[in-house]
Amino acid sequence: MRTPTLLCALAATGLATPQWYGRRAADAAPAYAAHTIDQPIDHFQDSSRYEPHTKDTFKQQYFFDSSYYKPGGPVFLYIGGETSGESRFSNLQTGIIQILMQQFNGLGVILENRYYGKSYPYNTSTTDELRFLTTEQTIADNAYFRQHATFPGLNSSLSGPDVPWIMYGGSLAGAYTAFTMKTYNSIFAGGIGSSATTQALLEYPQWYDTIIKYGPSDCTSRIVNIVDKIDAVVRSGDRQAIQKVKDVFGLGALQSLEDFAMTIAFPIGGPMNYPTNTWQELNWNETYGSDDFWNFCSNVTNIDPPKSISSVDTLLSNYTNGEPWTGLGGYADYIKKALLPTCESGRIDSTDSGCFGTQNQTFYADATNSASRSYLYSSCSESGGYQVAPKSGPSLISRVLQKEYTQQWCTWAFPAGQHNSIPKSPELHYYNKYGGWNIKAENLALIDGSTDVWLDLCYHSDLAPKPRISSDKYPSYLIAGAGHHWDSYGILDVDAEPAYIREAHRWEIRTVTRFLKFWAEKH
């Protein structure tokens, strides 16, 4: 979950990794042929929620890999989530699906999510046209695909009721995997939800708690201290002082305080948007990871910076009773060198590509099909998860960043249509009805990472009931020291992986072995 750059989708997204990671993997991997299935736009003809109904279908895209398949083998269905199917190719090449295909002589499939990639029901995404982008319609796609998919070039039909299908999804797609298993359990042999964000909360300040807890303490403490000072200046109402704070970062042209606060939070993780990599993009596999966060912290904690940078620490001291803003020079230097150049037009306060202004209603209301628009719609309508500053205690982001800031984008982006309108606040019950933190379904495995910023929306959340006890029918696993769905990545040699990832993959292999055994006993 979460998306890089202004309104360029997830990670979130949602709540996923930046799109350019997927492109790297896709570019390096042999292309898979694209196939489509005629998927019903509306699976719920009797529900008043979707009136007026349609019986039309759309072309939902999927890809498959039969490199390891042998007749009688299972089908491993990778749920695409909030990005294109092509950006998930690495999971068939070197990731968890490749591991499972090889182990069990299975077929690997990537199913693209409705309203992402090339799987759009309509040519545009107006508020009315987005009304079929809901959690229940999405997971119904998974069930329909399992029962109707064909795989050209294979002699046998694999959609029959006796063929074992096992799903895998990470992050938001992990939640969709869990919800599918909850709702359509009998037609699947099993499912693995990795970092599955199954709990919807309107506000999610906990995203930053993980970084405070596990990040370099000198770095995070300096940021907390700088943020405290910025907020004190904001509370003073001194416009000249506020302007000087913005000028220090090279962001004096930004009119909105919230836009300024979000921009300087980008290296940490701004609310929904960020053009550089953050803590979420750290990865045990260097092919997919990034050192951006460490580079940022190195700047903030540099104990011997040049005078041109160290002098900035005292530039605003007159606003804090002479107390220096330790680390401010390094922080501002990073923003100027790593972020400001991404605004190619130089119009800092605009919504031009790579720039930092968000106060443009026309920009948000553009109904062109895009992953960013689809992700924002889901967040605004059902899943929430607005990243905000905490109401009390230490904060890595300014306290001006609250839910109203994100909600404004929702209002601008989705004006009321004839048949659909965005709620005043996300209707979380549509998402949480599947169980939230307490979701439970037979043969649903839930695996999380202890240092994941999204952990508190997942099964192993510190906010969830304790203890979490795993069993053969209801398996769960918390990877100590792992981040956001780190088990989805591989290097084509499980035994050569770091021990904590290797053992997680071995656990998944054992878990799938049991899933297949249980399925065989029933069929």
Protein backbone atom coordinates (compact mmCIF):
# COMPACT_ATOMS: atom_id res chain seq x y z
CA MET A 1 0.00 0.00 0.00
CA ARG A 2 1.35 3.42 -0.72
CA THR A 3 2.40 5.03 -3.91
CA PRO A 4 5.43 6.97 -5.08
CA THR A 5 5.14 10.52 -6.41
CA LEU A 6 2.09 12.72 -6.21
CA LEU A 7 -0.91 10.52 -6.93
CA CYS A 8 1.11 7.84 -8.71
CA ALA A 9 -0.01 4.50 -7.41
CA LEU A 10 1.05 1.81 -4.83
CA ALA A 11 1.96 1.01 -2.52
CA ALA A 12 -0.12 1.95 -0.64
CA THR A 13 0.62 1.54 -2.83
CA GLY A 14 -1.39 1.28 -0.92
CA LEU A 15 -1.38 0.02 0.94
CA ALA A 16 2.65 -1.88 -2.24
CA THR A 17 6.08 -0.90 -3.37
CA PRO A 18 6.90 1.92 -5.81
CA GLN A 19 6.06 1.24 -9.41
CA TRP A 20 9.60 1.63 -10.66
CA TYR A 21 10.69 -1.45 -8.70
CA GLY A 22 8.21 -3.51 -10.66
CA ARG A 23 9.39 -2.03 -13.91
CA ARG A 24 12.99 -2.94 -13.15
CA ALA A 25 12.01 -6.55 -12.60
CA ALA A 26 9.67 -6.64 -15.59
CA ASP A 27 12.31 -5.15 -17.88
CA ALA A 28 14.83 -7.79 -16.83
CA ALA A 29 12.45 -10.72 -17.13
CA PRO A 30 11.28 -12.51 -20.27
CA ALA A 31 7.88 -11.25 -21.26
CA TYR A 32 4.85 -13.41 -20.62
CA ALA A 33 2.04 -13.39 -23.13
CA ALA A 34 -0.98 -11.42 -21.97
CA HIS A 35 -4.32 -13.20 -21.87
CA THR A 36 -7.76 -11.93 -20.96
CA ILE A 37 -10.92 -13.32 -19.44
CA ASP A 38 -14.36 -11.79 -19.90
CA GLN A 39 -15.03 -10.80 -16.31
CA PRO A 40 -18.48 -9.56 -15.17
CA ILE A 41 -18.34 -5.91 -14.16
CA ASP A 42 -21.10 -6.49 -11.63
CA HIS A 43 -21.13 -9.79 -9.73
CA PHE A 44 -23.97 -8.72 -7.45
CA GLN A 45 -27.08 -8.28 -9.55
CA ASP A 46 -29.35 -8.44 -6.51
CA SER A 47 -27.55 -5.82 -4.46
CA SER A 48 -29.07 -2.35 -4.30
CA ARG A 49 -25.57 -0.97 -3.77
CA TYR A 50 -24.83 -1.32 -7.49
CA GLU A 51 -28.05 -0.03 -8.99
CA PRO A 52 -28.47 0.50 -11.87
CA HIS A 53 -26.89 -2.84 -12.63
CA THR A 54 -24.98 -3.86 -15.70
CA LYS A 55 -24.52 -7.28 -17.27
CA ASP A 56 -21.54 -6.14 -19.29
CA THR A 57 -18.10 -7.69 -18.94
CA PHE A 58 -14.59 -6.31 -19.18
CA LYS A 59 -11.31 -7.79 -20.35
CA GLN A 60 -9.34 -8.73 -17.26
CA GLN A 61 -5.70 -9.39 -18.01
CA TYR A 62 -3.67 -12.31 -16.72
CA PHE A 63 -0.31 -13.95 -17.34
CA PHE A 64 0.93 -17.45 -16.61
CA ASP A 65 4.16 -19.43 -16.41
CA SER A 66 4.11 -23.18 -17.12
CA SER A 67 7.89 -23.67 -16.87
CA TYR A 68 7.59 -26.04 -13.91
CA TYR A 69 4.12 -27.40 -14.53
CA LYS A 70 3.43 -31.11 -14.67
CA PRO A 71 -0.07 -32.59 -15.10
CA GLY A 72 -1.77 -32.91 -11.75
CA GLY A 73 0.17 -30.00 -10.27
CA PRO A 74 -1.54 -27.14 -8.42
CA VAL A 75 -2.26 -23.64 -9.69
CA PHE A 76 -0.64 -20.77 -7.78
CA LEU A 77 -2.64 -17.61 -8.28
CA TYR A 78 -0.78 -14.38 -7.57
CA ILE A 79 -3.25 -11.57 -6.82
CA GLY A 80 -1.93 -8.49 -8.60
CA GLY A 81 -3.17 -5.74 -6.31
CA GLU A 82 -2.78 -2.04 -6.96
CA THR A 83 -0.46 -2.09 -9.96
CA SER A 84 -0.14 -3.61 -13.43
CA GLY A 85 0.25 -7.32 -13.96
CA GLU A 86 3.53 -6.76 -15.79
CA SER A 87 5.08 -5.17 -12.71
CA ARG A 88 4.56 -8.47 -10.87
CA PHE A 89 6.54 -10.62 -13.31
CA SER A 90 9.42 -11.01 -10.86
CA ASN A 91 7.20 -13.11 -8.63
CA LEU A 92 7.02 -15.73 -11.38
CA GLN A 93 10.72 -15.42 -12.16
CA THR A 94 12.49 -15.36 -8.80
CA GLY A 95 9.87 -14.76 -6.11
CA ILE A 96 7.51 -16.80 -3.98
CA ILE A 97 5.45 -18.13 -6.89
CA GLN A 98 8.61 -19.38 -8.61
CA ILE A 99 9.64 -21.09 -5.36
CA LEU A 100 6.26 -22.80 -5.03
CA MET A 101 5.97 -23.70 -8.72
CA GLN A 102 9.35 -25.41 -8.61
CA GLN A 103 8.63 -27.23 -5.36
CA PHE A 104 5.20 -28.55 -6.38
CA ASN A 105 5.35 -28.73 -10.19
CA GLY A 106 2.69 -26.06 -10.34
CA LEU A 107 1.42 -23.42 -12.74
CA GLY A 108 1.96 -19.77 -11.78
CA VAL A 109 -0.60 -17.12 -12.68
CA ILE A 110 -0.74 -13.35 -12.18
CA LEU A 111 -4.25 -11.88 -12.18
CA GLU A 112 -4.42 -8.14 -12.71
CA ASN A 113 -6.78 -6.26 -10.41
CA ARG A 114 -9.86 -4.59 -11.89
CA TYR A 115 -9.22 -0.89 -12.58
CA TYR A 116 -5.44 -1.39 -12.86
CA GLY A 117 -3.01 -2.08 -15.69
CA LYS A 118 -5.14 -2.83 -18.75
CA SER A 119 -8.08 -4.26 -16.80
CA TYR A 120 -10.39 -1.25 -16.80
CA PRO A 121 -14.13 -1.78 -17.28
CA TYR A 122 -14.47 1.65 -18.88
CA ASN A 123 -12.40 4.02 -20.98
CA THR A 124 -12.35 6.58 -18.17
CA SER A 125 -12.73 6.54 -14.40
CA THR A 126 -15.47 8.99 -13.51
CA THR A 127 -17.09 8.71 -10.10
CA ASP A 128 -19.96 6.78 -11.67
CA GLU A 129 -17.62 4.45 -13.56
CA LEU A 130 -15.64 3.71 -10.39
CA ARG A 131 -18.68 2.46 -8.48
CA PHE A 132 -17.78 -1.15 -9.30
CA LEU A 133 -14.33 -0.77 -7.75
CA THR A 134 -15.14 -2.28 -4.36
CA THR A 135 -13.58 -4.93 -2.19
CA GLU A 136 -16.41 -7.40 -2.68
CA GLN A 137 -16.40 -7.01 -6.48
CA THR A 138 -12.62 -7.44 -6.54
CA ILE A 139 -12.58 -10.68 -4.57
CA ALA A 140 -15.50 -11.99 -6.61
CA ASP A 141 -13.22 -11.60 -9.64
CA ASN A 142 -10.75 -13.97 -7.97
CA ALA A 143 -13.43 -16.62 -7.48
CA TYR A 144 -14.82 -16.22 -11.01
CA PHE A 145 -11.35 -16.46 -12.51
CA ARG A 146 -10.59 -19.63 -10.56
CA GLN A 147 -13.74 -21.25 -11.96
CA HIS A 148 -13.50 -20.05 -15.57
CA ALA A 149 -9.84 -19.46 -16.48
CA THR A 150 -8.27 -21.16 -19.46
CA PHE A 151 -4.58 -21.56 -20.19
CA PRO A 152 -3.82 -21.74 -23.92
CA GLY A 153 -1.21 -24.32 -24.80
CA LEU A 154 -1.97 -26.64 -21.89
CA ASN A 155 -3.84 -29.81 -22.74
CA SER A 156 -5.80 -30.09 -19.53
CA SER A 157 -8.45 -27.83 -18.03
CA LEU A 158 -7.30 -26.39 -14.74
CA SER A 159 -10.48 -24.63 -13.65
CA GLY A 160 -12.28 -27.82 -12.63
CA PRO A 161 -13.45 -28.27 -9.03
CA ASP A 162 -10.90 -31.00 -8.30
CA VAL A 163 -7.81 -28.93 -9.21
CA PRO A 164 -6.09 -27.39 -6.16
CA TRP A 165 -5.68 -23.61 -6.44
CA ILE A 166 -3.63 -21.68 -3.91
CA MET A 167 -3.62 -17.88 -3.80
CA TYR A 168 -0.85 -15.54 -2.76
CA GLY A 169 -1.03 -11.78 -2.29
CA GLY A 170 1.03 -9.13 -0.56
CA SER A 171 -0.14 -5.93 1.17
CA LEU A 172 -3.53 -4.84 -0.20
CA ALA A 173 -3.50 -7.90 -2.46
CA GLY A 174 -2.76 -9.93 0.66
CA ALA A 175 -5.94 -8.57 2.20
CA TYR A 176 -7.85 -9.48 -0.97
CA THR A 177 -6.39 -12.98 -0.70
CA ALA A 178 -7.57 -13.27 2.90
CA PHE A 179 -11.02 -11.89 2.08
CA THR A 180 -11.35 -14.29 -0.85
CA MET A 181 -10.49 -17.22 1.38
CA LYS A 182 -13.02 -16.01 3.94
CA THR A 183 -15.79 -15.71 1.34
CA TYR A 184 -15.04 -18.42 -1.24
CA ASN A 185 -13.15 -20.89 0.92
CA SER A 186 -14.47 -24.11 -0.57
CA ILE A 187 -13.11 -23.53 -4.08
CA PHE A 188 -9.52 -22.87 -3.01
CA ALA A 189 -7.04 -25.29 -1.46
CA GLY A 190 -5.41 -22.44 0.42
CA GLY A 191 -4.20 -18.88 0.46
CA ILE A 192 -1.21 -16.95 1.78
CA GLY A 193 -1.73 -13.33 2.76
CA SER A 194 1.62 -11.62 3.21
CA SER A 195 1.58 -8.30 5.11
CA ALA A 196 -2.14 -8.49 4.45
CA THR A 197 -3.68 -5.19 5.54
CA THR A 198 -6.95 -6.72 6.65
CA GLN A 199 -7.93 -4.01 9.16
CA ALA A 200 -9.23 -0.66 7.94
CA LEU A 201 -8.64 2.37 10.15
CA LEU A 202 -9.49 5.90 9.12
CA GLU A 203 -6.32 7.38 10.61
CA TYR A 204 -3.04 5.49 10.68
CA PRO A 205 -0.36 7.39 12.62
CA GLN A 206 1.17 4.03 13.57
CA TRP A 207 2.90 3.95 10.18
CA TYR A 208 5.62 6.12 11.67
CA ASP A 209 5.93 4.24 14.96
CA THR A 210 7.88 1.45 13.28
CA ILE A 211 10.54 3.88 12.07
CA ILE A 212 10.89 5.49 15.49
CA LYS A 213 11.19 2.03 17.05
CA TYR A 214 13.60 0.40 14.60
CA GLY A 215 15.28 3.27 12.72
CA PRO A 216 18.68 4.73 13.65
CA SER A 217 17.96 6.43 16.96
CA ASP A 218 20.17 9.47 16.39
CA CYS A 219 18.45 10.06 13.04
CA THR A 220 14.89 9.66 14.27
CA SER A 221 15.49 11.70 17.43
CA ARG A 222 16.88 14.59 15.39
CA ILE A 223 13.88 14.51 13.06
CA VAL A 224 11.46 14.40 16.00
CA ASN A 225 13.25 17.39 17.54
CA ILE A 226 13.19 19.38 14.28
CA VAL A 227 9.50 18.60 13.75
CA ASP A 228 8.74 19.78 17.29
CA LYS A 229 10.46 23.09 16.54
CA ILE A 230 8.67 23.50 13.21
CA ASP A 231 5.33 22.88 14.88
CA ALA A 232 6.13 25.38 17.62
CA VAL A 233 6.78 28.00 14.95
CA VAL A 234 3.53 27.07 13.21
CA ARG A 235 1.59 27.38 16.47
CA SER A 236 3.09 30.83 17.06
CA GLY A 237 1.35 32.11 13.96
CA ASP A 238 4.42 34.17 13.07
CA ARG A 239 4.14 34.31 9.28
CA GLN A 240 7.66 35.64 8.81
CA ALA A 241 9.09 32.79 10.89
CA ILE A 242 7.03 30.18 9.03
CA GLN A 243 8.27 31.57 5.74
CA LYS A 244 11.88 31.34 6.90
CA VAL A 245 11.36 27.70 7.86
CA LYS A 246 10.05 26.93 4.39
CA ASP A 247 12.88 28.91 2.79
CA VAL A 248 15.50 26.84 4.62
CA PHE A 249 14.30 23.78 2.74
CA GLY A 250 14.07 25.60 -0.59
CA LEU A 251 10.28 25.36 -0.42
CA GLY A 252 9.38 28.98 0.20
CA ALA A 253 7.07 29.01 -2.81
CA LEU A 254 4.71 26.45 -1.28
CA GLN A 255 1.58 28.24 -0.13
CA SER A 256 -0.01 25.35 1.77
CA LEU A 257 1.54 24.48 5.13
CA GLU A 258 0.30 20.92 4.66
CA ASP A 259 2.02 20.67 1.27
CA PHE A 260 5.24 21.89 2.87
CA ALA A 261 4.91 19.39 5.73
CA MET A 262 4.23 16.53 3.34
CA THR A 263 7.15 17.44 1.08
CA ILE A 264 9.75 17.45 3.86
CA ALA A 265 8.26 14.12 5.03
CA PHE A 266 8.86 12.45 1.66
CA PRO A 267 12.20 10.80 2.63
CA ILE A 268 10.43 9.32 5.65
CA GLY A 269 7.09 8.70 3.96
CA GLY A 270 4.52 11.41 3.29
CA PRO A 271 0.78 10.83 3.50
CA MET A 272 0.15 8.47 0.57
CA ASN A 273 2.73 10.14 -1.70
CA TYR A 274 6.50 10.09 -1.98
CA PRO A 275 8.93 10.49 -4.90
CA THR A 276 11.93 8.86 -3.21
CA ASN A 277 12.23 5.54 -1.45
CA THR A 278 11.41 5.29 2.25
CA TRP A 279 11.65 2.82 5.10
CA GLN A 280 8.94 0.79 3.36
CA GLU A 281 11.23 0.21 0.37
CA LEU A 282 14.06 -1.33 2.36
CA ASN A 283 14.49 -4.95 1.32
CA TRP A 284 16.67 -7.93 2.12
CA ASN A 285 17.04 -8.51 -1.62
CA GLU A 286 19.24 -5.72 -3.02
CA THR A 287 17.68 -6.13 -6.47
CA TYR A 288 14.47 -4.63 -5.12
CA GLY A 289 15.71 -2.60 -2.17
CA SER A 290 16.97 0.97 -1.95
CA ASP A 291 19.44 2.83 0.25
CA ASP A 292 17.54 6.13 0.00
CA PHE A 293 16.39 6.03 3.62
CA TRP A 294 19.90 5.31 4.91
CA ASN A 295 21.33 8.08 2.72
CA PHE A 296 18.78 10.50 4.14
CA CYS A 297 19.65 9.56 7.71
CA SER A 298 23.36 9.84 6.93
CA ASN A 299 22.76 13.43 5.90
CA VAL A 300 20.76 14.21 9.03
CA THR A 301 23.31 12.62 11.39
CA ASN A 302 26.55 13.74 9.73
CA ILE A 303 28.80 14.71 12.65
CA ASP A 304 31.24 16.67 10.52
CA PRO A 305 29.29 18.45 7.76
CA PRO A 306 30.79 21.37 5.84
CA LYS A 307 30.18 24.76 7.42
CA SER A 308 27.68 25.67 4.69
CA ILE A 309 25.46 22.90 6.08
CA SER A 310 26.24 23.03 9.81
CA SER A 311 25.58 26.77 9.94
CA VAL A 312 21.96 26.13 8.98
CA ASP A 313 21.42 24.45 12.37
CA THR A 314 21.54 27.85 14.07
CA LEU A 315 19.79 29.85 11.36
CA LEU A 316 16.43 29.67 13.13
CA SER A 317 17.68 29.61 16.73
CA ASN A 318 16.18 33.02 17.50
CA TYR A 319 12.74 31.35 17.23
CA THR A 320 13.65 28.70 19.83
CA ASN A 321 15.28 30.72 22.60
CA GLY A 322 18.73 30.30 21.08
CA GLU A 323 18.52 26.49 20.91
CA PRO A 324 20.05 25.09 17.71
CA TRP A 325 18.02 22.92 15.33
CA THR A 326 20.54 20.09 15.31
CA GLY A 327 20.53 18.21 12.01
CA LEU A 328 18.45 20.82 10.18
CA GLY A 329 21.26 21.61 7.77
CA GLY A 330 21.65 17.99 6.73
CA TYR A 331 17.88 17.53 6.50
CA ALA A 332 17.44 20.63 4.31
CA ASP A 333 20.46 19.72 2.19
CA TYR A 334 18.93 16.32 1.40
CA ILE A 335 15.60 17.88 0.43
CA LYS A 336 17.32 20.35 -1.89
CA LYS A 337 19.55 17.77 -3.57
CA ALA A 338 17.34 14.67 -3.72
CA LEU A 339 13.83 16.10 -3.97
CA LEU A 340 13.79 19.56 -5.49
CA PRO A 341 15.34 18.39 -8.81
CA THR A 342 12.34 16.07 -9.33
CA CYS A 343 10.26 19.21 -9.96
CA GLU A 344 11.55 19.66 -13.50
CA SER A 345 9.49 22.73 -14.27
CA GLY A 346 10.81 24.52 -11.21
CA ARG A 347 7.29 25.56 -10.28
CA ILE A 348 7.47 24.25 -6.74
CA ASP A 349 3.86 25.08 -5.84
CA SER A 350 2.33 23.48 -8.93
CA THR A 351 0.92 20.01 -9.57
CA ASP A 352 3.33 19.60 -12.49
CA SER A 353 4.93 16.19 -12.60
CA GLY A 354 7.44 15.89 -9.78
CA CYS A 355 6.42 19.15 -8.09
CA PHE A 356 4.96 19.62 -4.64
CA GLY A 357 1.71 21.58 -4.69
CA THR A 358 -1.56 19.70 -4.22
CA GLN A 359 -4.05 22.56 -4.09
CA ASN A 360 -5.46 22.01 -7.56
CA GLN A 361 -8.98 20.65 -7.75
CA THR A 362 -8.87 20.29 -11.54
CA PHE A 363 -5.79 18.09 -11.32
CA TYR A 364 -7.48 15.65 -8.97
CA ALA A 365 -10.75 15.53 -10.90
CA ASP A 366 -9.06 14.29 -14.08
CA ALA A 367 -10.99 11.10 -14.89
CA THR A 368 -8.25 9.52 -16.99
CA ASN A 369 -7.73 5.85 -16.09
CA SER A 370 -4.72 5.51 -13.80
CA ALA A 371 -3.54 3.34 -10.93
CA SER A 372 -3.23 6.42 -8.75
CA ARG A 373 -6.86 7.37 -9.27
CA SER A 374 -8.07 3.84 -8.59
CA TYR A 375 -6.00 3.57 -5.42
CA LEU A 376 -7.19 6.92 -4.14
CA TYR A 377 -10.80 5.94 -4.81
CA SER A 378 -10.49 2.73 -2.79
CA SER A 379 -8.84 4.63 0.07
CA CYS A 380 -11.52 7.32 0.05
CA SER A 381 -14.46 4.96 -0.26
CA GLU A 382 -13.62 1.91 1.87
CA SER A 383 -10.13 1.34 3.23
CA GLY A 384 -8.95 4.66 4.69
CA GLY A 385 -5.52 4.28 6.25
CA TYR A 386 -4.78 8.01 6.08
CA GLN A 387 -1.25 8.59 7.30
CA VAL A 388 -1.41 11.35 9.88
CA ALA A 389 0.66 12.74 12.72
CA PRO A 390 -0.16 11.35 16.16
CA LYS A 391 -2.38 13.38 18.46
CA SER A 392 0.28 13.19 21.20
CA GLY A 393 3.82 12.01 21.71
CA PRO A 394 6.83 12.18 19.39
CA SER A 395 6.23 12.60 15.68
CA LEU A 396 8.35 12.26 12.54
CA ILE A 397 5.94 14.45 10.58
CA SER A 398 4.39 17.82 11.35
CA ARG A 399 1.11 17.80 13.29
CA VAL A 400 -0.51 19.90 10.55
CA LEU A 401 -0.84 16.61 8.62
CA GLN A 402 -4.24 15.30 9.67
CA LYS A 403 -7.06 13.40 8.00
CA GLU A 404 -8.70 16.53 6.57
CA TYR A 405 -5.71 17.01 4.27
CA THR A 406 -6.17 13.63 2.58
CA GLN A 407 -9.96 13.85 2.66
CA GLN A 408 -9.77 17.06 0.64
CA TRP A 409 -8.16 15.13 -2.22
CA CYS A 410 -11.08 12.70 -2.10
CA THR A 411 -13.60 15.53 -2.36
CA TRP A 412 -11.78 17.12 -5.27
CA ALA A 413 -11.10 13.88 -7.14
CA PHE A 414 -14.59 12.38 -7.04
CA PRO A 415 -17.42 14.87 -7.52
CA ALA A 416 -20.86 13.32 -7.17
CA GLY A 417 -22.08 11.49 -10.24
CA GLN A 418 -25.57 10.40 -11.26
CA HIS A 419 -25.29 6.96 -9.64
CA ASN A 420 -22.37 7.26 -7.23
CA SER A 421 -20.81 9.68 -4.81
CA ILE A 422 -17.87 9.48 -2.46
CA PRO A 423 -18.80 9.28 1.25
CA LYS A 424 -17.81 12.12 3.57
CA SER A 425 -15.46 9.64 5.20
CA PRO A 426 -14.46 6.11 4.10
CA GLU A 427 -17.14 3.55 4.87
CA LEU A 428 -14.80 1.16 6.64
CA HIS A 429 -17.47 -1.43 7.39
CA TYR A 430 -17.38 -2.62 3.77
CA TYR A 431 -13.74 -3.59 4.33
CA ASN A 432 -13.81 -4.66 7.95
CA LYS A 433 -16.80 -6.99 7.54
CA TYR A 434 -14.38 -9.79 6.65
CA GLY A 435 -12.88 -9.78 10.13
CA GLY A 436 -10.16 -7.16 10.28
CA TRP A 437 -7.43 -8.16 12.74
CA ASN A 438 -9.51 -11.20 13.69
CA ILE A 439 -9.98 -12.58 10.20
CA LYS A 440 -9.96 -16.34 10.22
CA ALA A 441 -10.54 -18.84 7.43
CA GLU A 442 -9.56 -22.45 7.13
CA ASN A 443 -6.32 -22.90 5.17
CA LEU A 444 -5.58 -19.18 5.16
CA ALA A 445 -1.97 -18.49 6.12
CA LEU A 446 -1.04 -15.01 7.34
CA ILE A 447 2.63 -14.02 7.33
CA ASP A 448 3.93 -10.61 8.41
CA GLY A 449 7.22 -8.79 9.04
CA SER A 450 7.96 -7.31 12.46
CA THR A 451 9.50 -4.08 11.08
CA ASP A 452 6.80 -3.40 8.48
CA VAL A 453 5.27 0.09 8.63
CA TRP A 454 1.88 -1.46 7.79
CA LEU A 455 2.08 -4.13 10.51
CA ASP A 456 -0.59 -2.55 12.71
CA LEU A 457 -3.17 -3.10 9.96
CA CYS A 458 -2.16 -6.76 9.71
CA TYR A 459 -2.91 -9.93 11.64
CA HIS A 460 0.15 -9.62 13.91
CA SER A 461 -0.58 -6.00 14.83
CA ASP A 462 0.28 -4.79 18.31
CA LEU A 463 -3.32 -3.54 18.38
CA ALA A 464 -4.73 -7.04 17.77
CA PRO A 465 -5.65 -9.60 20.42
CA LYS A 466 -2.76 -11.65 21.77
CA PRO A 467 -1.32 -14.19 21.61
CA ARG A 468 -1.39 -15.29 17.96
CA ILE A 469 -1.13 -19.09 17.95
CA SER A 470 -0.52 -20.86 14.65
CA SER A 471 -2.06 -24.21 13.75
CA ASP A 472 -2.10 -26.47 10.71
CA LYS A 473 -5.55 -25.30 9.57
CA TYR A 474 -5.03 -21.65 10.63
CA PRO A 475 -1.32 -21.02 10.13
CA SER A 476 0.43 -17.73 10.89
CA TYR A 477 4.04 -16.55 11.02
CA LEU A 478 5.80 -13.35 12.07
CA ILE A 479 9.22 -12.86 10.47
CA ALA A 480 11.47 -11.15 13.02
CA GLY A 481 13.30 -8.24 11.41
CA ALA A 482 11.43 -8.34 8.11
CA GLY A 483 9.65 -5.53 6.31
CA HIS A 484 6.70 -5.26 3.93
CA HIS A 485 5.94 -8.68 2.35
CA TRP A 486 9.64 -9.52 2.23
CA ASP A 487 8.79 -13.20 1.75
CA SER A 488 7.50 -12.42 -1.75
CA TYR A 489 11.08 -11.95 -2.99
CA GLY A 490 13.56 -14.66 -3.87
CA ILE A 491 16.98 -15.30 -5.44
CA LEU A 492 16.39 -18.70 -7.13
CA ASP A 493 18.08 -20.50 -4.25
CA VAL A 494 16.16 -20.75 -0.98
CA ASP A 495 19.10 -22.33 0.84
CA ALA A 496 21.32 -19.33 0.04
CA GLU A 497 18.88 -16.76 1.41
CA PRO A 498 19.39 -14.96 4.75
CA ALA A 499 18.31 -17.30 7.52
CA TYR A 500 15.19 -15.39 8.55
CA ILE A 501 13.88 -15.30 4.95
CA ARG A 502 15.00 -18.87 4.21
CA GLU A 503 13.08 -20.20 7.21
CA ALA A 504 9.98 -18.22 6.26
CA HIS A 505 10.07 -19.74 2.78
CA ARG A 506 10.56 -23.21 4.21
CA TRP A 507 7.55 -22.59 6.46
CA GLU A 508 5.50 -21.57 3.42
CA ILE A 509 6.54 -24.73 1.61
CA ARG A 510 5.49 -26.86 4.59
CA THR A 511 2.23 -24.92 4.85
CA VAL A 512 1.39 -25.44 1.17
CA THR A 513 2.25 -29.13 1.56
CA ARG A 514 -0.44 -29.35 4.23
CA PHE A 515 -2.91 -27.36 2.12
CA LEU A 516 -2.49 -29.85 -0.72
CA LYS A 517 -2.80 -32.80 1.66
CA PHE A 518 -6.06 -31.43 3.11
CA TRP A 519 -7.39 -30.80 -0.41
CA ALA A 520 -6.52 -34.32 -1.55
CA GLU A 521 -8.33 -35.76 1.46
CA LYS A 522 -11.51 -33.89 0.46
CA HIS A 523 -11.29 -34.76 -3.22
